């Protein structure tokens, strides 16, 4: 982690302060982080992902883990539970499509 030792004070107009606070709220970054990004000519600051998107990605990850466990079991015991695998694949495909349609 970077250790920052120098502290600077910045004077802003009321409008600049408002914009900085709004950018901080939208992006989830601190005001200091936003100002630091401008030093590196990074002027595009993305909106933080919604809780819905994070929940959907976590669900996709969990389903992927379940499929991985089924594949490990199949490789170990030379048997595949097709019904269980089919359910997880169906769930995974529907969640991926939902995320694509909603966020991309």
Protein backbone atom coordinates (compact mmCIF):
# COMPACT_ATOMS: atom_id res chain seq x y z
CA UNK A 1 0.00 0.00 0.00
CA UNK A 2 1.23 3.46 -0.86
CA UNK A 3 2.11 5.61 2.12
CA UNK A 4 1.20 9.24 1.50
CA UNK A 5 3.18 11.61 3.65
CA UNK A 6 2.39 15.05 2.17
CA UNK A 7 -0.88 16.80 2.91
CA UNK A 8 -2.20 19.61 0.69
CA UNK A 9 -5.11 21.97 1.14
CA UNK A 10 -7.14 22.95 -1.91
CA UNK A 11 -9.51 25.86 -2.30
CA UNK A 12 -12.58 25.23 -4.42
CA UNK A 13 -15.61 27.22 -5.46
CA UNK A 14 -19.00 26.06 -4.25
CA UNK A 15 -19.72 24.65 -7.71
CA UNK A 16 -16.41 22.74 -7.82
CA UNK A 17 -17.05 21.34 -4.35
CA UNK A 18 -20.54 20.21 -5.42
CA UNK A 19 -19.15 18.49 -8.54
CA UNK A 20 -16.39 16.81 -6.54
CA UNK A 21 -18.86 15.49 -3.95
CA UNK A 22 -21.24 14.23 -6.68
CA UNK A 23 -18.37 12.45 -8.45
CA UNK A 24 -17.36 10.88 -5.15
CA UNK A 25 -20.89 9.64 -4.46
CA UNK A 26 -21.38 8.25 -7.96
CA UNK A 27 -18.00 6.54 -8.27
CA UNK A 28 -17.54 5.34 -4.69
CA UNK A 29 -14.07 6.92 -4.64
CA UNK A 30 -12.87 9.41 -2.06
CA UNK A 31 -12.54 13.04 -3.04
CA UNK A 32 -8.77 12.73 -2.63
CA UNK A 33 -8.69 9.74 -4.99
CA UNK A 34 -10.62 11.68 -7.62
CA UNK A 35 -8.24 14.64 -7.44
CA UNK A 36 -5.26 12.26 -7.62
CA UNK A 37 -6.66 10.65 -10.80
CA UNK A 38 -6.60 14.01 -12.55
CA UNK A 39 -2.82 14.21 -11.98
CA UNK A 40 -2.51 11.10 -14.16
CA UNK A 41 -4.82 12.55 -16.84
CA UNK A 42 -7.55 10.05 -15.98
CA UNK A 43 -10.65 12.10 -16.63
CA UNK A 44 -13.20 9.30 -17.08
CA UNK A 45 -14.46 8.08 -13.73
CA UNK A 46 -16.88 5.19 -13.85
CA UNK A 47 -19.98 4.78 -11.79
CA UNK A 48 -19.64 2.17 -9.08
CA UNK A 49 -21.47 -1.08 -9.86
CA UNK A 50 -24.95 -1.44 -8.41
CA UNK A 51 -25.69 -3.92 -5.65
CA UNK A 52 -27.90 -5.82 -8.10
CA UNK A 53 -24.99 -6.32 -10.49
CA UNK A 54 -22.67 -7.45 -7.71
CA UNK A 55 -25.32 -9.89 -6.44
CA UNK A 56 -25.82 -11.27 -9.96
CA UNK A 57 -22.07 -11.71 -10.45
CA UNK A 58 -21.83 -13.49 -7.09
CA UNK A 59 -24.64 -15.85 -8.14
CA UNK A 60 -22.84 -16.58 -11.41
CA UNK A 61 -19.66 -17.25 -9.48
CA UNK A 62 -21.46 -19.64 -7.10
CA UNK A 63 -23.01 -21.55 -9.99
CA UNK A 64 -19.60 -21.76 -11.66
CA UNK A 65 -18.17 -23.19 -8.45
CA UNK A 66 -20.94 -25.80 -8.34
CA UNK A 67 -20.25 -26.80 -11.95
CA UNK A 68 -16.55 -27.06 -11.12
CA UNK A 69 -17.33 -29.38 -8.19
CA UNK A 70 -19.47 -31.56 -10.46
CA UNK A 71 -16.64 -31.72 -13.02
CA UNK A 72 -14.15 -32.67 -10.28
CA UNK A 73 -16.48 -35.41 -9.06
CA UNK A 74 -16.95 -36.65 -12.63
CA UNK A 75 -13.20 -36.79 -13.21
CA UNK A 76 -12.58 -38.56 -9.91
CA UNK A 77 -15.30 -41.20 -10.11
CA UNK A 78 -15.89 -41.41 -13.89
CA UNK A 79 -19.58 -40.58 -13.48
CA UNK A 80 -21.57 -37.47 -14.32
CA UNK A 81 -24.81 -36.30 -12.73
CA UNK A 82 -26.40 -34.97 -15.91
CA UNK A 83 -29.60 -33.74 -14.27
CA UNK A 84 -27.77 -31.67 -11.69
CA UNK A 85 -25.33 -30.35 -14.27
CA UNK A 86 -28.17 -29.43 -16.62
CA UNK A 87 -29.95 -27.44 -13.88
CA UNK A 88 -26.78 -25.48 -13.03
CA UNK A 89 -26.01 -24.78 -16.68
CA UNK A 90 -29.57 -23.57 -17.27
CA UNK A 91 -29.35 -21.28 -14.23
CA UNK A 92 -25.95 -20.01 -15.34
CA UNK A 93 -27.14 -19.25 -18.87
CA UNK A 94 -30.23 -17.41 -17.65
CA UNK A 95 -28.21 -15.30 -15.19
CA UNK A 96 -25.59 -14.44 -17.80
CA UNK A 97 -28.32 -13.39 -20.24
CA UNK A 98 -30.01 -11.33 -17.54
CA UNK A 99 -26.77 -9.50 -16.74
CA UNK A 100 -26.07 -8.92 -20.43
CA UNK A 101 -29.53 -7.52 -21.09
CA UNK A 102 -29.58 -5.31 -18.03
CA UNK A 103 -26.02 -3.96 -17.84
CA UNK A 104 -24.38 -4.28 -21.26
